[in-house]
Amino acid sequence: MVAPVIRVTTEGTTSRLIHPTASRVRIGRALDNDIVLDDPYVDPYHAILDTREPGSWQFTDLKSRNGSREGRRPIENGTLESGALLTLGKSQLQVFSRDHHTTPALSLYDLEHRLISHDGIKLMIGLLCVLAAMSALSLFTRYDGSEIRLENIIAILAGALFAPVIVAGFWALIAKLTRGHSRFRALVNITLVALTVPLFVEPLLYILYFNLPGASSLNLLVTGLNISVGGAYLYIVLTIATELSPRVRQFSTATVIVAAVVMLVITQWSSRDEFAQNPAYDGRLMHPALLVRSGMSNDEFMRSLPSVFEHADVLVNEP
């Protein structure tokens, strides 16, 4: 008889390898079993694994309260092959033959491992503070002189803090279903970075837009930035949360980016002046908050508007 190797994983504990010597391996919560599972959802005597046939083992559930599953299907009596995954209560047992093919070691330097390693609480708190600060800076750079209400500030900060957690929670659920590990903290930190980068770059674009002669298409630049960051973020979370091959991840990301670009082109084309009753506002009339070159202050600019429009009326009425 060549006994199998059984990997046991109980919720909240580290996996352990067991090399049974008995031909009939008793599994349960009672201490006189061959494999003792510290799991309240497992019966004292839950199941028996008969290992007398090499590479083909007979599993029998002892009419346990919560039953047993092989993969996703219930099992009462059946033959197991090498690599079979059993679920008893909230514990998992994976049965291997001793000559089972073992995959090569993972690299400590590949993209997935580097991304997963960014799961520190301190990093998360720091990124949350940075995101809140960048959200406030973005509000300042877009300030147009209107009243700022406290509830608006609270809404912006709440969105900056809770939106990343909700998005990361979705990807963590996908990761839990497909890979068995949620990687929640790493996904939260990556989501925070993806939200912070546009908030950091957008003020720079505003400064260039309002201060460089001939600068134009601010909205196009900002949209291009968001599409680029969104594409990178999608590829990264697919790397962490799924078992898709690199080629499939690249294809999925490229498809989303192309779709976003096509939608942008359609939107830009359909919003041209000839399709609208009034010309589109180009964003350069309002005096920006971060104006480096010399010019009027926001208040001076607002006070000058009546005379500007009066002068425009005169020009329009001239023969």
Protein backbone atom coordinates (compact mmCIF):
# COMPACT_ATOMS: atom_id res chain seq x y z
CA MET A 1 0.00 0.00 0.00
CA VAL A 2 1.22 3.48 -0.94
CA ALA A 3 -0.60 5.90 1.35
CA PRO A 4 -1.56 9.33 0.01
CA VAL A 5 -0.46 12.70 1.33
CA ILE A 6 -3.37 14.77 2.67
CA ARG A 7 -3.28 18.55 2.96
CA VAL A 8 -5.66 19.78 5.66
CA THR A 9 -6.85 23.38 5.85
CA THR A 10 -9.18 24.43 8.63
CA GLU A 11 -10.68 27.93 8.64
CA GLY A 12 -8.39 30.36 10.44
CA THR A 13 -5.38 28.00 10.55
CA THR A 14 -2.33 27.28 8.42
CA SER A 15 -2.45 24.25 6.11
CA ARG A 16 -0.75 21.10 7.35
CA LEU A 17 0.39 17.95 5.56
CA ILE A 18 -0.54 14.55 6.95
CA HIS A 19 1.06 11.24 5.92
CA PRO A 20 -1.42 8.59 7.14
CA THR A 21 -0.13 5.11 7.88
CA ALA A 22 -3.46 3.33 8.44
CA SER A 23 -5.27 1.72 5.53
CA ARG A 24 -8.58 3.16 6.80
CA VAL A 25 -8.14 6.84 7.70
CA ARG A 26 -10.80 8.04 10.11
CA ILE A 27 -11.64 11.76 9.89
CA GLY A 28 -13.57 13.81 12.43
CA ARG A 29 -13.51 16.07 15.45
CA ALA A 30 -13.04 13.33 18.06
CA LEU A 31 -9.47 13.02 19.33
CA ASP A 32 -9.14 9.31 18.49
CA ASN A 33 -9.45 9.93 14.72
CA ASP A 34 -6.46 9.57 12.40
CA ILE A 35 -7.11 13.12 11.14
CA VAL A 36 -8.53 15.41 13.81
CA LEU A 37 -10.30 18.52 12.52
CA ASP A 38 -10.77 21.38 14.99
CA ASP A 39 -13.95 22.48 13.27
CA PRO A 40 -17.32 22.76 15.07
CA TYR A 41 -19.15 22.02 11.81
CA VAL A 42 -17.47 18.59 11.50
CA ASP A 43 -19.01 15.55 13.23
CA PRO A 44 -16.99 13.70 15.89
CA TYR A 45 -16.77 10.81 13.40
CA HIS A 46 -17.40 12.41 10.05
CA ALA A 47 -15.90 10.21 7.32
CA ILE A 48 -13.54 7.35 6.43
CA LEU A 49 -10.94 7.30 3.66
CA ASP A 50 -9.89 3.82 2.49
CA THR A 51 -6.36 4.02 1.04
CA ARG A 52 -5.73 0.35 0.23
CA GLU A 53 -5.92 0.89 -3.55
CA PRO A 54 -2.91 3.00 -4.74
CA GLY A 55 -3.96 6.17 -6.56
CA SER A 56 -7.66 5.40 -6.18
CA TRP A 57 -9.10 5.87 -2.71
CA GLN A 58 -12.61 5.19 -1.42
CA PHE A 59 -14.30 7.95 0.55
CA THR A 60 -17.33 7.30 2.76
CA ASP A 61 -19.34 9.95 4.62
CA LEU A 62 -20.63 8.56 7.93
CA LYS A 63 -24.03 10.22 7.60
CA SER A 64 -22.64 13.46 8.99
CA ARG A 65 -24.91 16.36 9.90
CA ASN A 66 -23.48 18.81 7.33
CA GLY A 67 -22.38 16.25 4.76
CA SER A 68 -19.26 16.25 2.59
CA ARG A 69 -18.46 17.69 -0.81
CA GLU A 70 -15.94 16.83 -3.49
CA GLY A 71 -15.34 20.09 -5.30
CA ARG A 72 -18.85 21.56 -5.57
CA ARG A 73 -20.89 18.33 -5.53
CA PRO A 74 -22.06 16.41 -2.45
CA ILE A 75 -20.44 13.01 -1.92
CA GLU A 76 -21.51 10.12 0.32
CA ASN A 77 -19.52 7.28 -1.24
CA GLY A 78 -17.07 7.66 -4.08
CA THR A 79 -13.62 7.11 -5.51
CA LEU A 80 -11.07 9.90 -5.22
CA GLU A 81 -8.17 10.54 -7.54
CA SER A 82 -4.98 12.43 -6.85
CA GLY A 83 -5.70 16.13 -6.35
CA ALA A 84 -9.32 15.64 -5.22
CA LEU A 85 -10.54 18.42 -2.92
CA LEU A 86 -12.90 17.48 -0.09
CA THR A 87 -14.89 19.93 2.03
CA LEU A 88 -16.04 18.79 5.46
CA GLY A 89 -17.79 21.51 7.46
CA LYS A 90 -15.54 24.53 6.98
CA SER A 91 -12.39 22.45 6.55
CA GLN A 92 -10.79 21.26 3.33
CA LEU A 93 -8.80 18.12 2.68
CA GLN A 94 -6.89 17.66 -0.57
CA VAL A 95 -5.65 14.15 -1.32
CA PHE A 96 -2.46 13.63 -3.34
CA SER A 97 -0.53 10.60 -4.45
CA ARG A 98 3.14 10.77 -3.53
CA ASP A 99 4.15 11.11 -7.19
CA HIS A 100 1.63 13.90 -7.84
CA HIS A 101 3.03 16.55 -10.23
CA THR A 102 4.22 19.58 -8.27
CA THR A 103 4.33 22.95 -10.01
CA PRO A 104 7.59 24.93 -10.07
CA ALA A 105 8.25 27.54 -7.39
CA LEU A 106 6.68 30.95 -7.83
CA SER A 107 8.96 33.90 -8.39
CA LEU A 108 9.34 36.47 -5.61
CA TYR A 109 9.92 39.10 -8.28
CA ASP A 110 6.96 38.66 -10.63
CA LEU A 111 4.22 41.27 -10.93
CA GLU A 112 1.61 39.37 -8.94
CA HIS A 113 3.84 38.80 -5.92
CA ARG A 114 5.00 42.41 -5.89
CA LEU A 115 1.39 43.62 -5.99
CA ILE A 116 0.19 41.26 -3.27
CA SER A 117 3.01 42.39 -0.96
CA HIS A 118 1.46 45.89 -0.76
CA ASP A 119 -1.05 44.92 1.92
CA GLY A 120 0.17 46.89 4.94
CA ILE A 121 -2.22 48.75 7.22
CA LYS A 122 0.20 51.69 7.54
CA LEU A 123 0.35 51.98 3.76
CA MET A 124 -3.46 51.96 3.60
CA ILE A 125 -3.79 54.73 6.20
CA GLY A 126 -1.14 56.83 4.44
CA LEU A 127 -2.84 56.43 1.06
CA LEU A 128 -6.22 57.36 2.57
CA CYS A 129 -4.69 60.57 3.94
CA VAL A 130 -3.08 61.34 0.59
CA LEU A 131 -6.36 60.69 -1.24
CA ALA A 132 -8.26 63.02 1.11
CA ALA A 133 -5.61 65.73 0.66
CA MET A 134 -5.60 65.37 -3.14
CA SER A 135 -9.42 65.51 -3.18
CA ALA A 136 -9.26 68.81 -1.27
CA LEU A 137 -6.62 70.14 -3.70
CA SER A 138 -8.78 69.12 -6.66
CA LEU A 139 -11.72 71.00 -5.13
CA PHE A 140 -9.50 74.06 -4.69
CA THR A 141 -8.21 74.04 -8.27
CA ARG A 142 -11.76 73.82 -9.63
CA TYR A 143 -13.18 76.47 -7.31
CA ASP A 144 -15.28 78.96 -9.28
CA GLY A 145 -16.25 81.37 -6.51
CA SER A 146 -19.55 79.72 -5.61
CA GLU A 147 -20.54 78.86 -2.06
CA ILE A 148 -19.01 75.69 -0.64
CA ARG A 149 -21.36 73.87 1.71
CA LEU A 150 -20.19 71.67 4.54
CA GLU A 151 -22.30 68.77 3.29
CA ASN A 152 -20.53 68.98 -0.08
CA ILE A 153 -17.13 68.67 1.60
CA ILE A 154 -18.36 65.74 3.69
CA ALA A 155 -19.73 64.05 0.56
CA ILE A 156 -16.41 64.46 -1.26
CA LEU A 157 -14.40 63.10 1.66
CA ALA A 158 -16.83 60.21 2.19
CA GLY A 159 -16.59 59.31 -1.49
CA ALA A 160 -12.80 59.46 -1.32
CA LEU A 161 -12.73 57.16 1.70
CA PHE A 162 -15.55 54.68 1.08
CA ALA A 163 -15.52 54.31 -2.71
CA PRO A 164 -12.09 52.59 -2.76
CA VAL A 165 -13.19 50.16 -0.06
CA ILE A 166 -16.37 49.23 -1.95
CA VAL A 167 -14.54 48.75 -5.26
CA ALA A 168 -11.76 46.75 -3.60
CA GLY A 169 -14.36 44.66 -1.79
CA PHE A 170 -15.87 43.64 -5.14
CA TRP A 171 -12.49 42.52 -6.50
CA ALA A 172 -11.69 40.80 -3.19
CA LEU A 173 -14.88 38.76 -3.58
CA ILE A 174 -13.82 37.77 -7.10
CA ALA A 175 -10.37 36.82 -5.76
CA LYS A 176 -11.92 34.73 -2.97
CA LEU A 177 -14.12 32.85 -5.43
CA THR A 178 -11.45 32.24 -8.06
CA ARG A 179 -8.21 31.98 -6.06
CA GLY A 180 -9.32 31.18 -2.54
CA HIS A 181 -7.72 34.33 -1.05
CA SER A 182 -9.38 37.74 -0.96
CA ARG A 183 -6.20 39.90 -0.92
CA PHE A 184 -8.49 42.67 0.35
CA ARG A 185 -5.86 44.99 1.84
CA ALA A 186 -3.62 44.79 -1.24
CA LEU A 187 -6.61 45.54 -3.48
CA VAL A 188 -7.64 48.49 -1.29
CA ASN A 189 -4.14 49.96 -1.51
CA ILE A 190 -3.97 49.49 -5.28
CA THR A 191 -7.42 51.06 -5.66
CA LEU A 192 -6.31 54.03 -3.56
CA VAL A 193 -3.26 54.51 -5.79
CA ALA A 194 -5.43 54.33 -8.92
CA LEU A 195 -7.72 57.05 -7.54
CA THR A 196 -4.87 59.23 -6.25
CA VAL A 197 -2.82 59.38 -9.47
CA PRO A 198 -5.47 61.31 -11.49
CA LEU A 199 -6.07 63.66 -8.56
CA PHE A 200 -2.32 64.35 -8.44
CA VAL A 201 -1.88 64.83 -12.18
CA GLU A 202 -5.07 66.79 -12.93
CA PRO A 203 -3.94 69.98 -11.10
CA LEU A 204 -0.72 69.87 -13.14
CA LEU A 205 -2.78 69.65 -16.32
CA TYR A 206 -4.88 72.59 -15.15
CA ILE A 207 -1.76 74.66 -14.52
CA LEU A 208 -0.35 73.84 -17.97
CA TYR A 209 -3.70 74.42 -19.62
CA PHE A 210 -4.26 77.89 -18.21
CA ASN A 211 -0.67 79.10 -18.32
CA LEU A 212 0.87 77.81 -21.55
CA PRO A 213 0.11 79.75 -24.74
CA GLY A 214 -1.87 77.68 -27.20
CA ALA A 215 -2.79 74.94 -24.69
CA SER A 216 -6.12 73.31 -25.48
CA SER A 217 -8.29 70.22 -25.07
CA LEU A 218 -8.11 70.01 -21.28
CA ASN A 219 -11.06 67.63 -21.08
CA LEU A 220 -9.44 65.39 -23.67
CA LEU A 221 -6.21 65.27 -21.68
CA VAL A 222 -8.01 64.50 -18.42
CA THR A 223 -10.12 61.81 -20.08
CA GLY A 224 -7.03 60.25 -21.66
CA LEU A 225 -5.36 60.22 -18.26
CA ASN A 226 -8.34 58.51 -16.64
CA ILE A 227 -8.53 55.90 -19.41
CA SER A 228 -4.82 55.12 -19.07
CA VAL A 229 -4.99 54.79 -15.29
CA GLY A 230 -8.20 52.77 -15.52
CA GLY A 231 -6.64 50.36 -18.02
CA ALA A 232 -3.57 49.83 -15.83
CA TYR A 233 -5.80 49.32 -12.78
CA LEU A 234 -7.95 46.75 -14.60
CA TYR A 235 -4.89 44.75 -15.66
CA ILE A 236 -3.47 44.82 -12.13
CA VAL A 237 -6.66 43.67 -10.39
CA LEU A 238 -7.17 40.94 -12.98
CA THR A 239 -3.64 39.77 -12.16
CA ILE A 240 -4.40 39.59 -8.43
CA ALA A 241 -8.04 38.51 -8.41
CA THR A 242 -8.21 35.96 -11.25
CA GLU A 243 -6.29 33.05 -12.69
CA LEU A 244 -6.51 34.38 -16.23
CA SER A 245 -3.42 33.97 -18.39
CA PRO A 246 -1.36 37.10 -19.21
CA ARG A 247 -2.63 37.03 -22.78
CA VAL A 248 -6.29 36.97 -21.69
CA ARG A 249 -5.64 39.77 -19.20
CA GLN A 250 -3.98 41.86 -21.90
CA PHE A 251 -6.82 41.19 -24.34
CA SER A 252 -9.49 42.06 -21.75
CA THR A 253 -7.72 45.29 -20.78
CA ALA A 254 -7.16 46.30 -24.40
CA THR A 255 -10.83 45.64 -25.20
CA VAL A 256 -12.00 47.89 -22.37
CA ILE A 257 -9.56 50.66 -23.37
CA VAL A 258 -10.60 50.50 -27.03
CA ALA A 259 -14.28 50.63 -26.03
CA ALA A 260 -13.62 53.67 -23.82
CA VAL A 261 -11.72 55.44 -26.61
CA VAL A 262 -14.48 54.71 -29.12
CA MET A 263 -17.08 56.12 -26.70
CA LEU A 264 -14.89 59.20 -26.19
CA VAL A 265 -14.56 59.76 -29.94
CA ILE A 266 -18.31 59.39 -30.44
CA THR A 267 -19.02 61.80 -27.57
CA GLN A 268 -16.55 64.39 -28.87
CA TRP A 269 -17.91 64.11 -32.42
CA SER A 270 -21.56 64.39 -31.39
CA SER A 271 -20.91 67.40 -29.13
CA ARG A 272 -19.38 69.60 -31.86
CA ASP A 273 -20.67 73.13 -32.19
CA GLU A 274 -22.56 72.41 -35.42
CA PHE A 275 -24.71 69.88 -33.55
CA ALA A 276 -25.56 72.27 -30.68
CA GLN A 277 -27.63 75.43 -30.36
CA ASN A 278 -24.80 77.23 -28.57
CA PRO A 279 -21.02 76.89 -28.90
CA ALA A 280 -19.41 74.65 -26.29
CA TYR A 281 -17.66 76.36 -23.38
CA ASP A 282 -13.93 75.72 -23.75
CA GLY A 283 -13.08 76.16 -20.06
CA ARG A 284 -10.63 79.03 -20.59
CA LEU A 285 -12.94 81.96 -19.84
CA MET A 286 -13.20 81.31 -16.09
CA HIS A 287 -10.13 82.46 -14.23
CA PRO A 288 -8.50 79.37 -12.64
CA ALA A 289 -7.43 79.06 -9.04
CA LEU A 290 -3.86 78.10 -9.96
CA LEU A 291 -2.87 80.82 -12.41
CA VAL A 292 0.88 81.25 -12.50
CA ARG A 293 1.12 83.96 -15.16
CA SER A 294 0.05 87.54 -14.35
CA GLY A 295 -3.63 88.38 -14.60
CA MET A 296 -6.76 89.42 -12.77
CA SER A 297 -7.88 87.78 -9.57
CA ASN A 298 -11.09 85.76 -9.56
CA ASP A 299 -13.05 88.59 -7.91
CA GLU A 300 -11.70 91.18 -10.38
CA PHE A 301 -12.58 88.94 -13.26
CA MET A 302 -16.15 88.43 -12.03
CA ARG A 303 -16.62 92.19 -11.58
CA SER A 304 -15.43 92.81 -15.14
CA LEU A 305 -17.97 90.48 -16.75
CA PRO A 306 -20.81 93.06 -17.08
CA SER A 307 -18.59 95.41 -19.08
CA VAL A 308 -17.37 92.50 -21.21
CA PHE A 309 -20.92 91.57 -22.14
CA GLU A 310 -21.90 95.19 -22.73
CA HIS A 311 -18.97 95.52 -25.12
CA ALA A 312 -20.06 92.32 -26.85
CA ASP A 313 -23.58 93.70 -27.29
CA VAL A 314 -22.16 96.85 -28.87
CA LEU A 315 -20.12 94.79 -31.32
CA VAL A 316 -23.12 92.69 -32.23
CA ASN A 317 -25.35 95.76 -32.86
CA GLU A 318 -22.81 97.61 -34.97
CA PRO A 319 -23.73 97.74 -38.67
